Amino acid sequence: MVSYEQGSFDSEGTLALKNNTNETIQNISFTITYLDMKETPVDYEDFFLNVDIKPGMTKKVNIPAYEHDRYYHYYKTPDNGSGNPAFKIRYKLKDYNIANTDEDAQQTADDTVSAIIGVIIILVIIAITIGIYVLVGVLAKRRNRSVLLWILLGLITTPLLAIIILLCIGPAEPPQP
């Protein structure tokens, strides 16, 4: 931890964390112990943050403000003489780069469901498209028209346009002997 800031009226405190390792840090778990001005512990809170900090870099993160409703402020943050109570903190890193298995499992499950739904939608669209082209062929045959020609016309334009044209022009007259 590099620094902490929290004013009397802030709803969040800002914590600056520095990565002193040679690897990117993610999923930080830490405890903040809140102390009065005599350095007597008065409260503590455990935190887990999903944050990426590259080696040698510092990142500011927000955490819920301590005693926001009672207008507490961090002793190094200026209070402009309002007389609101001040506090100190003690930061203790518990762990970092923790595998977040719950989120990973949920993400894998979501990806699997999305893939299955995608395949089903594609299969339905293919089935509907084939069905429309079959309908063009059936209509062309019933109206004594060239099935292949009308399916090709449906490919060039759209099958729905080919169906509309077939319905409008009616059946072809049978050839005279």
Protein backbone atom coordinates (compact mmCIF):
# COMPACT_ATOMS: atom_id res chain seq x y z
CA MET A 1 0.00 0.00 0.00
CA VAL A 2 1.32 3.41 -0.99
CA SER A 3 -1.37 5.71 0.35
CA TYR A 4 -4.96 6.02 1.53
CA GLU A 5 -7.37 8.95 1.25
CA GLN A 6 -10.81 9.47 2.77
CA GLY A 7 -12.44 12.80 3.55
CA SER A 8 -15.22 13.36 6.07
CA PHE A 9 -17.94 13.39 3.42
CA ASP A 10 -16.51 10.73 1.07
CA SER A 11 -18.54 7.59 0.51
CA GLU A 12 -15.42 5.73 -0.66
CA GLY A 13 -11.83 5.65 0.42
CA THR A 14 -9.08 5.56 -2.21
CA LEU A 15 -6.29 3.06 -1.68
CA ALA A 16 -3.10 3.21 -3.80
CA LEU A 17 -1.55 -0.23 -4.24
CA LYS A 18 1.92 -0.80 -5.70
CA ASN A 19 3.17 -4.00 -7.29
CA ASN A 20 6.72 -4.65 -6.08
CA THR A 21 6.95 -8.06 -7.77
CA ASN A 22 8.11 -9.08 -11.26
CA GLU A 23 4.70 -10.42 -12.29
CA THR A 24 1.27 -8.91 -12.87
CA ILE A 25 -0.83 -9.02 -9.73
CA GLN A 26 -4.52 -9.94 -9.87
CA ASN A 27 -7.23 -10.81 -7.37
CA ILE A 28 -5.82 -9.16 -4.26
CA SER A 29 -7.01 -10.19 -0.80
CA PHE A 30 -6.15 -7.93 2.13
CA THR A 31 -7.26 -6.78 5.57
CA ILE A 32 -7.50 -3.18 6.71
CA THR A 33 -7.45 -2.60 10.45
CA TYR A 34 -8.88 0.74 11.51
CA LEU A 35 -7.12 2.44 14.42
CA ASP A 36 -8.00 5.45 16.54
CA MET A 37 -5.43 8.23 16.91
CA LYS A 38 -3.84 6.39 19.86
CA GLU A 39 -3.27 3.44 17.47
CA THR A 40 -5.77 1.24 19.28
CA PRO A 41 -7.58 -1.11 16.87
CA VAL A 42 -11.28 -0.23 16.66
CA ASP A 43 -12.42 -2.26 13.65
CA TYR A 44 -11.19 -4.31 10.71
CA GLU A 45 -12.49 -5.37 7.32
CA ASP A 46 -11.40 -8.01 4.80
CA PHE A 47 -11.37 -7.08 1.13
CA PHE A 48 -11.06 -8.99 -2.13
CA LEU A 49 -10.43 -6.95 -5.29
CA ASN A 50 -10.23 -8.15 -8.86
CA VAL A 51 -7.61 -5.72 -10.17
CA ASP A 52 -4.62 -5.95 -12.53
CA ILE A 53 -1.41 -4.20 -11.49
CA LYS A 54 1.61 -4.54 -13.76
CA PRO A 55 5.10 -4.99 -12.23
CA GLY A 56 6.45 -1.77 -10.68
CA MET A 57 3.18 0.11 -11.23
CA THR A 58 0.77 1.70 -8.75
CA LYS A 59 -3.01 1.55 -9.06
CA LYS A 60 -5.68 3.41 -7.13
CA VAL A 61 -8.75 1.44 -6.09
CA ASN A 62 -11.87 2.50 -4.23
CA ILE A 63 -13.18 0.72 -1.16
CA PRO A 64 -16.19 1.60 1.02
CA ALA A 65 -15.45 4.51 3.35
CA TYR A 66 -14.97 3.73 7.02
CA GLU A 67 -17.77 5.17 9.21
CA HIS A 68 -19.08 7.33 6.37
CA ASP A 69 -22.33 8.05 8.22
CA ARG A 70 -20.39 9.38 11.21
CA TYR A 71 -18.12 11.60 9.04
CA TYR A 72 -14.84 9.92 9.94
CA HIS A 73 -11.81 10.95 7.89
CA TYR A 74 -8.34 9.53 7.38
CA TYR A 75 -5.87 11.49 9.50
CA LYS A 76 -3.66 12.44 6.51
CA THR A 77 -6.62 13.75 4.50
CA PRO A 78 -7.29 17.45 5.22
CA ASP A 79 -10.46 18.01 7.26
CA ASN A 80 -10.49 21.84 7.23
CA GLY A 81 -11.01 22.04 10.99
CA SER A 82 -14.50 20.53 11.07
CA GLY A 83 -13.67 18.53 14.18
CA ASN A 84 -14.82 15.22 12.70
CA PRO A 85 -13.09 12.13 14.15
CA ALA A 86 -9.90 10.95 12.46
CA PHE A 87 -8.57 7.42 12.11
CA LYS A 88 -5.46 5.58 10.95
CA ILE A 89 -5.25 2.30 9.09
CA ARG A 90 -3.01 -0.73 9.06
CA TYR A 91 -2.87 -2.59 5.73
CA LYS A 92 -2.07 -6.31 5.62
CA LEU A 93 -1.81 -8.17 2.31
CA LYS A 94 -3.24 -11.67 2.72
CA ASP A 95 -2.81 -13.07 -0.78
CA TYR A 96 -2.73 -12.20 -4.46
CA ASN A 97 -3.14 -13.95 -7.82
CA ILE A 98 -5.82 -16.11 -6.23
CA ALA A 99 -7.72 -18.27 -8.68
CA ASN A 100 -11.30 -17.09 -8.60
CA THR A 101 -12.89 -20.49 -9.24
CA ASP A 102 -16.50 -19.38 -8.80
CA GLU A 103 -16.26 -16.76 -11.54
CA ASP A 104 -14.20 -19.08 -13.78
CA ALA A 105 -16.75 -21.89 -13.42
CA GLN A 106 -19.64 -19.50 -14.06
CA GLN A 107 -17.87 -18.07 -17.13
CA THR A 108 -17.25 -21.58 -18.50
CA ALA A 109 -20.90 -22.53 -17.94
CA ASP A 110 -22.08 -19.32 -19.61
CA ASP A 111 -19.77 -19.93 -22.58
CA THR A 112 -21.08 -23.49 -22.99
CA VAL A 113 -24.73 -22.40 -22.86
CA SER A 114 -24.05 -19.58 -25.31
CA ALA A 115 -22.36 -21.97 -27.74
CA ILE A 116 -25.26 -24.44 -27.57
CA ILE A 117 -27.84 -21.69 -28.11
CA GLY A 118 -25.79 -20.34 -31.03
CA VAL A 119 -25.65 -23.76 -32.72
CA ILE A 120 -29.41 -24.26 -32.25
CA ILE A 121 -30.17 -20.84 -33.74
CA ILE A 122 -27.93 -21.53 -36.75
CA LEU A 123 -29.58 -24.94 -37.32
CA VAL A 124 -33.06 -23.37 -37.14
CA ILE A 125 -32.07 -20.66 -39.64
CA ILE A 126 -30.62 -23.27 -42.02
CA ALA A 127 -33.79 -25.41 -41.72
CA ILE A 128 -36.05 -22.42 -42.43
CA THR A 129 -33.93 -21.39 -45.43
CA ILE A 130 -33.98 -24.90 -46.90
CA GLY A 131 -37.73 -25.09 -46.25
CA ILE A 132 -38.33 -21.85 -48.15
CA TYR A 133 -36.31 -23.10 -51.15
CA VAL A 134 -38.28 -26.37 -51.09
CA LEU A 135 -41.48 -24.30 -51.07
CA VAL A 136 -40.24 -22.40 -54.17
CA GLY A 137 -39.61 -25.73 -55.90
CA VAL A 138 -43.04 -27.15 -54.95
CA LEU A 139 -44.85 -23.99 -56.10
CA ALA A 140 -42.92 -23.99 -59.39
CA LYS A 141 -43.79 -27.65 -60.03
CA ARG A 142 -47.51 -27.13 -59.22
CA ARG A 143 -47.62 -24.20 -61.62
CA ASN A 144 -45.93 -26.17 -64.39
CA ARG A 145 -42.78 -24.03 -64.23
CA SER A 146 -39.12 -25.11 -64.29
CA VAL A 147 -38.18 -26.03 -60.71
CA LEU A 148 -34.45 -25.51 -61.25
CA LEU A 149 -34.97 -22.13 -62.91
CA TRP A 150 -37.14 -20.84 -60.06
CA ILE A 151 -34.77 -22.09 -57.36
CA LEU A 152 -31.90 -20.33 -59.17
CA LEU A 153 -34.06 -17.20 -59.39
CA GLY A 154 -34.64 -17.51 -55.64
CA LEU A 155 -30.88 -17.74 -55.09
CA ILE A 156 -30.25 -14.66 -57.24
CA THR A 157 -32.98 -12.54 -55.65
CA THR A 158 -34.60 -13.96 -52.54
CA PRO A 159 -36.75 -17.04 -52.17
CA LEU A 160 -39.62 -14.96 -50.80
CA LEU A 161 -39.58 -12.77 -53.92
CA ALA A 162 -39.60 -15.90 -56.10
CA ILE A 163 -42.64 -17.20 -54.16
CA ILE A 164 -44.49 -13.89 -54.59
CA ILE A 165 -43.75 -13.83 -58.34
CA LEU A 166 -44.90 -17.45 -58.72
CA LEU A 167 -48.15 -16.66 -56.91
CA CYS A 168 -48.73 -13.57 -59.07
CA ILE A 169 -48.06 -15.07 -62.51
CA GLY A 170 -50.17 -18.14 -61.95
CA PRO A 171 -49.81 -21.56 -63.56
CA ALA A 172 -48.24 -22.05 -66.97
CA GLU A 173 -50.45 -23.43 -69.65
CA PRO A 174 -49.63 -27.00 -70.55
CA PRO A 175 -47.94 -27.41 -73.93
CA GLN A 176 -50.32 -28.05 -76.87
CA PRO A 177 -49.90 -31.43 -78.67
